[in-house]
Amino acid sequence: MAISETGHAINIDNLRVLYELCTTFGANYNPFNADISIVSMTTLYNDALGFQNDLIAANNATKLPINDREDKFKALKRLVTKTINAFESGGASKQSVRDARGLVRKITGGNVRIKRLEDGTADPKSISNSHQSYVQILDSFKNLVELYKGEASYTPNEVSIQIVSLETLVTELEAANSAVSAVVMDTVHYRSKRDRALYLIGSGVVDIGYACKKYVKSLYGIDSAEYIAARGIKFKRFMKFVE
């Protein structure tokens, strides 16, 4: 089950709510742990929020190239079905037809599934995992084109399935794969920085939030209005990172 992106954002914003609460305590809020000082928590919040905003922008930048690649590869599956029928009708040898059909099955047989985040954006982790599938499909298509080129009988009249058109399509699909790789690298980078800022053991947003609430508890007591207010500010750990 995918982790809710909303949960990460809530963790970040709740750190702001917590340190703003602590500022109302005035001089009484004076922890010996510098990591839970107002200044340190403010800096941590700003860093985490910055990484979150960078991640959102990077996710948005992936939409066009990812959708473009999906469209191109869907069209490829329809196209290769036309090519194999033309190839077989042109009098190619039985072995060549068998080889070609094997490659076509590799191209059309696998559905590349990409999970989506709550806003409909493709999940970068899913994209990374599916990338190899697209590479394999393209490799099979390249081999199919080479097979057709080696058969003098493959001379279709339809422009879309002629060798020159298929070679052009190979180039376009390679470019589509490269475009996705570039934008996904940015997204993975910012996701990693955001996640570490939130979930690094001892110094991430979640652990700092817990530590701050413990200090308020020690300062005012378990039944105090101050601690009850702090206790109501929730943090949820979705993952762990260790230095």
Protein backbone atom coordinates (compact mmCIF):
# COMPACT_ATOMS: atom_id res chain seq x y z
CA MET A 1 0.00 0.00 0.00
CA ALA A 2 1.43 3.42 -0.96
CA ILE A 3 2.30 5.86 1.78
CA SER A 4 -0.01 8.84 1.85
CA GLU A 5 1.71 11.99 0.62
CA THR A 6 -0.73 13.93 2.79
CA GLY A 7 0.77 12.26 5.86
CA HIS A 8 4.21 13.66 5.12
CA ALA A 9 2.81 17.17 4.69
CA ILE A 10 0.92 16.89 7.99
CA ASN A 11 4.11 15.89 9.81
CA ILE A 12 5.88 18.95 8.43
CA ASP A 13 3.09 21.38 9.28
CA ASN A 14 2.63 19.92 12.74
CA LEU A 15 6.23 20.76 13.58
CA ARG A 16 5.37 24.39 12.83
CA VAL A 17 2.27 24.17 15.02
CA LEU A 18 4.36 22.69 17.83
CA TYR A 19 7.15 25.24 17.84
CA GLU A 20 4.64 28.07 17.55
CA LEU A 21 2.92 26.66 20.64
CA CYS A 22 6.27 26.55 22.41
CA THR A 23 6.91 30.22 21.66
CA THR A 24 3.86 31.05 23.76
CA PHE A 25 5.63 29.59 26.78
CA GLY A 26 8.10 32.46 26.69
CA ALA A 27 11.29 32.19 28.74
CA ASN A 28 10.03 29.04 30.44
CA TYR A 29 10.74 27.11 27.26
CA ASN A 30 14.52 26.74 27.61
CA PRO A 31 15.56 23.17 26.69
CA PHE A 32 19.16 22.02 27.19
CA ASN A 33 18.79 20.00 23.97
CA ALA A 34 19.60 22.56 21.29
CA ASP A 35 17.83 20.44 18.64
CA ILE A 36 14.45 21.26 20.18
CA SER A 37 15.08 24.97 20.61
CA ILE A 38 12.67 27.26 18.78
CA VAL A 39 15.44 28.33 16.40
CA SER A 40 16.45 24.75 15.54
CA MET A 41 12.88 23.56 15.04
CA THR A 42 12.14 26.56 12.84
CA THR A 43 15.18 25.76 10.69
CA LEU A 44 14.21 22.09 10.46
CA TYR A 45 10.66 23.02 9.48
CA ASN A 46 11.87 25.41 6.76
CA ASP A 47 14.26 22.80 5.38
CA ALA A 48 11.62 20.06 5.33
CA LEU A 49 9.04 22.37 3.76
CA GLY A 50 11.56 23.44 1.12
CA PHE A 51 12.28 19.82 0.20
CA GLN A 52 8.55 19.11 0.09
CA ASN A 53 7.96 22.04 -2.27
CA ASP A 54 10.89 20.94 -4.45
CA LEU A 55 9.40 17.46 -4.60
CA ILE A 56 5.98 18.79 -5.62
CA ALA A 57 7.57 20.84 -8.40
CA ALA A 58 9.62 17.85 -9.56
CA ASN A 59 6.54 15.62 -9.56
CA ASN A 60 4.67 18.12 -11.69
CA ALA A 61 7.59 18.22 -14.13
CA THR A 62 7.28 14.46 -14.68
CA LYS A 63 3.68 14.53 -15.88
CA LEU A 64 4.22 15.53 -19.51
CA PRO A 65 7.16 13.22 -20.34
CA ILE A 66 5.61 10.27 -18.51
CA ASN A 67 2.25 10.65 -20.22
CA ASP A 68 3.99 11.14 -23.57
CA ARG A 69 5.97 7.93 -23.13
CA GLU A 70 2.90 5.96 -22.08
CA ASP A 71 1.04 7.15 -25.18
CA LYS A 72 3.92 6.28 -27.48
CA PHE A 73 4.36 2.78 -26.09
CA LYS A 74 0.62 2.08 -26.22
CA ALA A 75 0.64 3.10 -29.89
CA LEU A 76 3.67 0.85 -30.43
CA LYS A 77 1.71 -2.22 -29.34
CA ARG A 78 -0.96 -1.50 -31.92
CA LEU A 79 1.63 -0.80 -34.59
CA VAL A 80 3.65 -3.99 -34.21
CA THR A 81 0.47 -6.04 -34.64
CA LYS A 82 0.09 -4.42 -38.05
CA THR A 83 3.73 -5.08 -38.91
CA ILE A 84 3.62 -8.79 -38.10
CA ASN A 85 0.51 -9.28 -40.21
CA ALA A 86 2.15 -7.45 -43.10
CA PHE A 87 5.34 -9.44 -42.59
CA GLU A 88 3.53 -12.77 -42.67
CA SER A 89 1.43 -11.81 -45.69
CA GLY A 90 4.54 -10.82 -47.64
CA GLY A 91 5.84 -14.36 -47.87
CA ALA A 92 8.53 -14.38 -45.16
CA SER A 93 9.92 -17.76 -44.12
CA LYS A 94 8.14 -19.68 -41.37
CA GLN A 95 11.16 -19.39 -39.06
CA SER A 96 11.37 -15.62 -39.57
CA VAL A 97 7.66 -15.31 -38.86
CA ARG A 98 8.07 -17.37 -35.67
CA ASP A 99 10.96 -15.18 -34.56
CA ALA A 100 9.02 -12.03 -35.34
CA ARG A 101 5.94 -13.24 -33.49
CA GLY A 102 8.07 -14.02 -30.45
CA LEU A 103 9.34 -10.44 -30.38
CA VAL A 104 5.83 -9.05 -30.92
CA ARG A 105 4.60 -11.05 -27.93
CA LYS A 106 7.33 -9.53 -25.80
CA ILE A 107 6.22 -6.07 -26.89
CA THR A 108 2.48 -6.55 -26.53
CA GLY A 109 2.29 -9.13 -23.77
CA GLY A 110 3.36 -7.11 -20.74
CA ASN A 111 1.33 -4.31 -19.22
CA VAL A 112 3.61 -1.78 -17.56
CA ARG A 113 1.73 -0.59 -14.49
CA ILE A 114 2.60 2.73 -12.88
CA LYS A 115 1.09 3.58 -9.51
CA ARG A 116 -0.31 7.06 -9.01
CA LEU A 117 -0.11 9.39 -6.04
CA GLU A 118 -3.21 10.98 -4.54
CA ASP A 119 -3.09 13.94 -6.92
CA GLY A 120 -2.87 11.66 -9.95
CA THR A 121 0.85 12.21 -10.45
CA ALA A 122 2.80 9.09 -11.32
CA ASP A 123 4.67 7.69 -8.32
CA PRO A 124 8.41 8.18 -9.04
CA LYS A 125 9.26 4.93 -7.26
CA SER A 126 6.87 3.06 -9.52
CA ILE A 127 8.31 4.84 -12.54
CA SER A 128 11.81 3.80 -11.55
CA ASN A 129 10.70 0.20 -11.12
CA SER A 130 8.84 0.18 -14.45
CA HIS A 131 11.64 1.84 -16.40
CA GLN A 132 13.40 -1.45 -17.10
CA SER A 133 10.19 -2.82 -18.58
CA TYR A 134 10.09 0.04 -21.07
CA VAL A 135 13.76 -0.53 -21.88
CA GLN A 136 13.07 -4.22 -22.53
CA ILE A 137 10.08 -3.45 -24.75
CA LEU A 138 12.16 -1.02 -26.77
CA ASP A 139 14.97 -3.55 -27.08
CA SER A 140 12.51 -6.12 -28.44
CA PHE A 141 11.20 -3.55 -30.91
CA LYS A 142 14.74 -2.78 -32.11
CA ASN A 143 15.33 -6.48 -32.68
CA LEU A 144 12.03 -6.72 -34.55
CA VAL A 145 13.01 -3.86 -36.86
CA GLU A 146 16.37 -5.49 -37.55
CA LEU A 147 14.62 -8.75 -38.36
CA TYR A 148 12.34 -6.97 -40.83
CA LYS A 149 15.34 -5.23 -42.41
CA GLY A 150 16.94 -8.60 -43.02
CA GLU A 151 13.98 -9.88 -45.00
CA ALA A 152 13.79 -8.66 -48.58
CA SER A 153 10.11 -9.60 -48.67
CA TYR A 154 9.17 -6.95 -46.08
CA THR A 155 8.23 -4.03 -48.36
CA PRO A 156 4.83 -2.74 -47.14
CA ASN A 157 3.13 0.09 -48.98
CA GLU A 158 1.76 1.62 -45.77
CA VAL A 159 4.15 4.40 -44.76
CA SER A 160 3.62 3.95 -41.03
CA ILE A 161 5.06 0.42 -41.04
CA GLN A 162 7.85 0.89 -43.56
CA ILE A 163 11.39 0.38 -42.28
CA VAL A 164 12.30 4.07 -42.33
CA SER A 165 9.21 4.88 -40.24
CA LEU A 166 9.99 2.12 -37.77
CA GLU A 167 13.57 3.35 -37.39
CA THR A 168 12.28 6.86 -36.76
CA LEU A 169 9.98 5.47 -34.10
CA VAL A 170 12.90 3.72 -32.40
CA THR A 171 14.63 7.09 -32.08
CA GLU A 172 11.47 8.71 -30.70
CA LEU A 173 11.00 5.96 -28.10
CA GLU A 174 14.63 6.23 -27.02
CA ALA A 175 14.15 9.97 -26.55
CA ALA A 176 10.94 9.36 -24.56
CA ASN A 177 12.76 6.97 -22.23
CA SER A 178 15.61 9.43 -21.75
CA ALA A 179 13.22 12.29 -20.99
CA VAL A 180 11.51 10.28 -18.25
CA SER A 181 14.83 9.18 -16.75
CA ALA A 182 16.01 12.78 -16.45
CA VAL A 183 12.94 14.12 -14.63
CA VAL A 184 12.57 11.08 -12.39
CA MET A 185 16.14 11.47 -11.15
CA ASP A 186 15.22 14.92 -9.84
CA THR A 187 12.11 13.59 -8.16
CA VAL A 188 13.92 10.71 -6.48
CA HIS A 189 16.58 13.15 -5.26
CA TYR A 190 14.10 15.53 -3.64
CA ARG A 191 12.00 12.70 -2.23
CA SER A 192 15.08 11.30 -0.52
CA LYS A 193 15.99 14.68 0.98
CA ARG A 194 12.40 15.26 2.15
CA ASP A 195 12.10 11.80 3.67
CA ARG A 196 15.41 12.06 5.52
CA ALA A 197 14.44 15.46 6.89
CA LEU A 198 11.28 13.90 8.31
CA TYR A 199 12.38 10.44 9.39
CA LEU A 200 16.08 10.51 10.21
CA ILE A 201 16.39 8.80 13.59
CA GLY A 202 17.13 11.30 16.34
CA SER A 203 17.10 14.47 14.26
CA GLY A 204 14.19 14.22 11.80
CA VAL A 205 10.91 16.07 12.15
CA VAL A 206 9.13 13.15 13.80
CA ASP A 207 11.76 12.47 16.46
CA ILE A 208 12.26 16.17 17.16
CA GLY A 209 8.50 16.52 17.58
CA TYR A 210 8.46 13.63 20.07
CA ALA A 211 11.44 15.06 21.97
CA CYS A 212 9.86 18.49 22.16
CA LYS A 213 6.63 17.09 23.56
CA LYS A 214 8.59 15.13 26.19
CA TYR A 215 10.34 18.31 27.26
CA VAL A 216 7.02 20.15 27.59
CA LYS A 217 5.76 17.22 29.66
CA SER A 218 8.77 17.44 31.97
CA LEU A 219 8.45 21.20 32.18
CA TYR A 220 4.76 21.52 33.00
CA GLY A 221 3.57 18.06 34.03
CA ILE A 222 1.37 15.43 32.48
CA ASP A 223 -1.93 17.08 33.45
CA SER A 224 -0.96 20.60 32.47
CA ALA A 225 -2.80 22.56 29.81
CA GLU A 226 0.54 23.15 28.09
CA TYR A 227 1.34 19.47 27.75
CA ILE A 228 -2.21 18.53 26.77
CA ALA A 229 -1.98 21.07 23.93
CA ALA A 230 1.41 19.73 22.82
CA ARG A 231 0.30 16.10 23.12
CA GLY A 232 -2.55 16.77 20.68
CA ILE A 233 -0.10 17.68 17.91
CA LYS A 234 0.45 14.35 16.20
CA PHE A 235 3.43 12.96 14.30
CA LYS A 236 3.44 9.68 12.41
CA ARG A 237 6.52 7.72 11.39
CA PHE A 238 6.24 6.22 7.91
CA MET A 239 9.88 5.12 7.56
CA LYS A 240 13.27 5.17 9.27
CA PHE A 241 16.64 6.51 8.23
CA VAL A 242 19.86 6.05 10.18
CA GLU A 243 23.09 7.99 9.65
